[in-house]
N, C-alpha and C. Protein backbone atom coordinates (compact mmCIF):
# COMPACT_ATOMS: atom_id res chain seq x y z
N UNK A 1 0.85 -1.19 0.00
CA UNK A 1 0.00 0.00 0.00
C UNK A 1 0.88 1.24 0.00
N UNK A 2 0.52 2.20 -0.83
CA UNK A 2 1.26 3.45 -0.93
C UNK A 2 0.32 4.60 -0.61
N UNK A 3 0.82 5.61 0.04
CA UNK A 3 0.08 6.85 0.26
C UNK A 3 0.92 7.97 -0.29
N UNK A 4 0.36 8.71 -1.24
CA UNK A 4 1.10 9.80 -1.87
C UNK A 4 1.06 11.03 -0.99
N UNK A 5 2.15 11.77 -0.94
CA UNK A 5 2.13 13.09 -0.38
C UNK A 5 2.90 13.99 -1.31
N UNK A 6 3.01 15.24 -1.01
CA UNK A 6 3.50 16.26 -1.93
C UNK A 6 4.77 15.84 -2.67
N UNK A 7 4.89 16.34 -3.89
CA UNK A 7 6.06 16.16 -4.74
C UNK A 7 6.35 14.71 -5.04
N UNK A 8 5.33 13.85 -5.07
CA UNK A 8 5.52 12.47 -5.46
C UNK A 8 6.12 11.58 -4.39
N UNK A 9 6.39 12.11 -3.21
CA UNK A 9 6.91 11.28 -2.14
C UNK A 9 5.80 10.37 -1.63
N UNK A 10 6.17 9.21 -1.15
CA UNK A 10 5.19 8.22 -0.77
C UNK A 10 5.49 7.66 0.62
N UNK A 11 4.43 7.51 1.40
CA UNK A 11 4.53 6.75 2.64
C UNK A 11 4.08 5.35 2.26
N UNK A 12 4.96 4.39 2.39
CA UNK A 12 4.64 3.02 2.02
C UNK A 12 4.28 2.23 3.28
N UNK A 13 3.50 1.19 3.09
CA UNK A 13 3.10 0.33 4.19
C UNK A 13 3.35 -1.10 3.75
N UNK A 14 4.21 -1.80 4.48
CA UNK A 14 4.51 -3.20 4.19
C UNK A 14 4.43 -3.98 5.48
N UNK A 15 3.48 -4.90 5.53
CA UNK A 15 3.25 -5.73 6.72
C UNK A 15 3.08 -4.89 7.97
N UNK A 16 2.36 -3.79 7.84
CA UNK A 16 2.07 -2.93 8.97
C UNK A 16 3.17 -1.93 9.32
N UNK A 17 4.25 -1.92 8.56
CA UNK A 17 5.34 -0.99 8.80
C UNK A 17 5.19 0.18 7.85
N UNK A 18 5.00 1.38 8.39
CA UNK A 18 4.92 2.58 7.56
C UNK A 18 6.31 3.17 7.44
N UNK A 19 6.73 3.42 6.20
CA UNK A 19 8.08 3.92 5.96
C UNK A 19 8.10 4.79 4.71
N UNK A 20 9.17 5.56 4.59
CA UNK A 20 9.43 6.33 3.38
C UNK A 20 10.77 5.86 2.82
N UNK A 21 10.92 6.00 1.51
CA UNK A 21 12.18 5.65 0.87
C UNK A 21 12.91 6.92 0.49
N UNK A 22 14.17 6.96 0.83
CA UNK A 22 14.97 8.13 0.51
C UNK A 22 15.00 8.35 -1.00
N UNK A 23 15.08 7.28 -1.75
CA UNK A 23 15.17 7.39 -3.21
C UNK A 23 13.90 7.95 -3.84
N UNK A 24 12.79 7.97 -3.10
CA UNK A 24 11.55 8.52 -3.66
C UNK A 24 11.40 10.01 -3.36
N UNK A 25 12.36 10.58 -2.63
CA UNK A 25 12.30 11.99 -2.26
C UNK A 25 12.93 12.85 -3.35
N UNK A 26 12.55 14.13 -3.40
CA UNK A 26 13.24 15.06 -4.30
C UNK A 26 14.73 15.10 -3.95
N UNK A 27 15.57 15.37 -4.93
CA UNK A 27 17.03 15.38 -4.73
C UNK A 27 17.46 16.25 -3.56
N UNK A 28 16.85 17.43 -3.42
CA UNK A 28 17.22 18.34 -2.32
C UNK A 28 16.99 17.68 -0.96
N UNK A 29 15.85 17.00 -0.82
CA UNK A 29 15.54 16.33 0.44
C UNK A 29 16.43 15.12 0.66
N UNK A 30 16.78 14.40 -0.42
CA UNK A 30 17.71 13.27 -0.29
C UNK A 30 19.04 13.74 0.28
N UNK A 31 19.54 14.85 -0.23
CA UNK A 31 20.81 15.38 0.25
C UNK A 31 20.73 15.75 1.74
N UNK A 32 19.62 16.38 2.13
CA UNK A 32 19.45 16.74 3.55
C UNK A 32 19.42 15.49 4.43
N UNK A 33 18.69 14.47 3.98
CA UNK A 33 18.60 13.23 4.75
C UNK A 33 19.99 12.62 4.93
N UNK A 34 20.73 12.48 3.83
CA UNK A 34 22.03 11.81 3.91
C UNK A 34 23.03 12.59 4.76
N UNK A 35 22.86 13.91 4.88
CA UNK A 35 23.81 14.69 5.67
C UNK A 35 23.36 14.92 7.11
N UNK A 36 22.06 14.85 7.39
CA UNK A 36 21.62 15.22 8.73
C UNK A 36 20.79 14.16 9.47
N UNK A 37 20.39 13.10 8.80
CA UNK A 37 19.58 12.08 9.45
C UNK A 37 20.49 11.04 10.10
N UNK A 38 20.09 10.53 11.24
CA UNK A 38 20.87 9.51 11.95
C UNK A 38 20.89 8.22 11.12
N UNK A 39 22.05 7.86 10.60
CA UNK A 39 22.16 6.73 9.67
C UNK A 39 21.75 5.40 10.31
N UNK A 40 21.86 5.29 11.62
CA UNK A 40 21.45 4.06 12.31
C UNK A 40 19.95 3.82 12.24
N UNK A 41 19.19 4.84 11.87
CA UNK A 41 17.73 4.71 11.76
C UNK A 41 17.29 4.40 10.33
N UNK A 42 18.23 4.31 9.40
CA UNK A 42 17.90 3.92 8.04
C UNK A 42 17.84 2.40 8.03
N UNK A 43 16.70 1.86 7.61
CA UNK A 43 16.47 0.42 7.70
C UNK A 43 16.43 -0.23 6.32
N UNK A 44 16.53 -1.55 6.33
CA UNK A 44 16.43 -2.34 5.11
C UNK A 44 15.17 -3.18 5.19
N UNK A 45 14.46 -3.26 4.08
CA UNK A 45 13.25 -4.07 4.00
C UNK A 45 13.34 -4.93 2.75
N UNK A 46 13.05 -6.21 2.89
CA UNK A 46 12.99 -7.11 1.73
C UNK A 46 11.53 -7.26 1.34
N UNK A 47 11.21 -6.86 0.12
CA UNK A 47 9.84 -6.91 -0.38
C UNK A 47 9.88 -7.48 -1.79
N UNK A 48 9.09 -8.50 -2.04
CA UNK A 48 9.04 -9.13 -3.36
C UNK A 48 10.44 -9.52 -3.84
N UNK A 49 11.22 -10.12 -2.97
CA UNK A 49 12.59 -10.57 -3.27
C UNK A 49 13.53 -9.44 -3.67
N UNK A 50 13.20 -8.21 -3.31
CA UNK A 50 14.06 -7.05 -3.56
C UNK A 50 14.47 -6.45 -2.24
N UNK A 51 15.73 -6.04 -2.14
CA UNK A 51 16.21 -5.37 -0.95
C UNK A 51 16.08 -3.86 -1.14
N UNK A 52 15.33 -3.24 -0.27
CA UNK A 52 15.21 -1.78 -0.25
C UNK A 52 16.05 -1.32 0.93
N UNK A 53 17.20 -0.71 0.67
CA UNK A 53 18.13 -0.38 1.75
C UNK A 53 18.16 1.10 2.08
N UNK A 54 17.11 1.83 1.70
CA UNK A 54 17.06 3.27 1.96
C UNK A 54 15.74 3.66 2.60
N UNK A 55 15.28 2.87 3.54
CA UNK A 55 13.97 3.09 4.16
C UNK A 55 14.12 3.75 5.53
N UNK A 56 13.16 4.61 5.84
CA UNK A 56 13.12 5.27 7.14
C UNK A 56 11.71 5.07 7.69
N UNK A 57 11.61 4.60 8.91
CA UNK A 57 10.30 4.46 9.53
C UNK A 57 9.61 5.82 9.52
N UNK A 58 8.32 5.83 9.20
CA UNK A 58 7.61 7.10 9.09
C UNK A 58 7.71 7.94 10.36
N UNK A 59 7.54 7.36 11.58
CA UNK A 59 7.67 8.21 12.78
C UNK A 59 9.06 8.86 12.90
N UNK A 60 10.10 8.14 12.52
CA UNK A 60 11.46 8.72 12.56
C UNK A 60 11.60 9.84 11.55
N UNK A 61 11.04 9.65 10.35
CA UNK A 61 11.09 10.68 9.32
C UNK A 61 10.31 11.91 9.76
N UNK A 62 9.12 11.71 10.32
CA UNK A 62 8.28 12.84 10.76
C UNK A 62 9.00 13.62 11.86
N UNK A 63 9.67 12.92 12.77
CA UNK A 63 10.42 13.59 13.84
C UNK A 63 11.57 14.40 13.24
N UNK A 64 12.31 13.80 12.31
CA UNK A 64 13.41 14.51 11.66
C UNK A 64 12.91 15.74 10.93
N UNK A 65 11.83 15.58 10.19
CA UNK A 65 11.29 16.69 9.42
C UNK A 65 10.83 17.82 10.34
N UNK A 66 10.25 17.47 11.49
CA UNK A 66 9.81 18.47 12.45
C UNK A 66 10.96 19.28 13.02
N UNK A 67 12.16 18.69 13.06
CA UNK A 67 13.34 19.38 13.60
C UNK A 67 14.01 20.29 12.58
N UNK A 68 13.66 20.14 11.31
CA UNK A 68 14.26 20.97 10.27
C UNK A 68 13.66 22.36 10.36
N UNK A 69 14.51 23.38 10.43
CA UNK A 69 13.99 24.73 10.51
C UNK A 69 14.87 25.67 9.73
N UNK A 70 14.33 26.68 9.12
CA UNK A 70 12.89 26.80 8.89
C UNK A 70 12.47 25.85 7.79
N UNK A 71 11.18 25.47 7.75
CA UNK A 71 10.76 24.57 6.69
C UNK A 71 10.91 25.24 5.33
N UNK A 72 11.54 24.53 4.41
CA UNK A 72 11.73 25.11 3.07
C UNK A 72 10.46 24.94 2.25
N UNK A 73 10.34 25.75 1.23
CA UNK A 73 9.18 25.67 0.35
C UNK A 73 9.11 24.33 -0.35
N UNK A 74 10.25 23.68 -0.52
CA UNK A 74 10.26 22.40 -1.22
C UNK A 74 10.01 21.22 -0.28
N UNK A 75 9.96 21.47 1.04
CA UNK A 75 9.69 20.38 1.96
C UNK A 75 8.28 19.86 1.76
N UNK A 76 8.13 18.55 1.73
CA UNK A 76 6.81 17.99 1.46
C UNK A 76 5.85 18.20 2.62
N UNK A 77 4.59 18.35 2.28
CA UNK A 77 3.53 18.43 3.27
C UNK A 77 2.94 17.04 3.34
N UNK A 78 2.88 16.47 4.53
CA UNK A 78 2.40 15.11 4.68
C UNK A 78 0.89 15.05 4.47
N UNK A 79 0.46 14.22 3.55
CA UNK A 79 -0.96 13.95 3.37
C UNK A 79 -1.14 12.48 3.10
N UNK A 80 -2.27 12.00 3.43
CA UNK A 80 -2.60 10.61 3.14
C UNK A 80 -3.64 10.61 2.03
N UNK A 81 -3.96 9.44 1.53
CA UNK A 81 -4.88 9.35 0.40
C UNK A 81 -6.26 9.91 0.71
N UNK A 82 -6.58 10.09 1.98
CA UNK A 82 -7.86 10.68 2.34
C UNK A 82 -7.86 12.18 2.09
N UNK A 83 -6.66 12.74 1.80
CA UNK A 83 -6.54 14.16 1.57
C UNK A 83 -6.28 14.94 2.84
N UNK A 84 -6.19 14.26 3.98
CA UNK A 84 -5.94 14.94 5.25
C UNK A 84 -4.54 15.51 5.25
N UNK A 85 -4.39 16.66 5.85
CA UNK A 85 -3.09 17.30 5.92
C UNK A 85 -2.55 17.18 7.34
N UNK A 86 -1.28 16.82 7.46
CA UNK A 86 -0.67 16.65 8.76
C UNK A 86 0.25 17.79 9.13
N UNK A 87 0.32 18.82 8.27
CA UNK A 87 1.22 19.90 8.58
C UNK A 87 0.63 20.87 9.60
N UNK A 88 -0.70 20.92 9.69
CA UNK A 88 -1.36 21.78 10.68
C UNK A 88 -2.49 20.99 11.30
N UNK A 89 -2.59 21.04 12.61
CA UNK A 89 -3.64 20.33 13.31
C UNK A 89 -4.50 21.32 14.07
N UNK A 90 -5.76 21.05 14.12
CA UNK A 90 -6.68 21.91 14.88
C UNK A 90 -7.49 21.02 15.82
N UNK A 91 -7.70 21.50 17.01
CA UNK A 91 -8.46 20.74 18.00
C UNK A 91 -9.63 21.60 18.48
N UNK A 92 -10.75 20.95 18.70
CA UNK A 92 -11.91 21.67 19.24
C UNK A 92 -12.01 21.46 20.73
């Protein structure tokens, strides 16, 4: 299962694990990830007999993205296929 968010980036779900792939990010974001993300949190997933060695658990990615300041115009806005936006939350 894939969930699209801005700029073609995808939150993937495999066996209940939500993750993003570095290779699916825009080049600018890939460079930021490789230089500032904790490499020990980059995981490998075997899916359909293929090794995906550039995966980041979605909660780890969301935490990293939240620490980036100021947010650049090219930074993706998280949305799921329902169209919900996770960049701003409102509570009643």
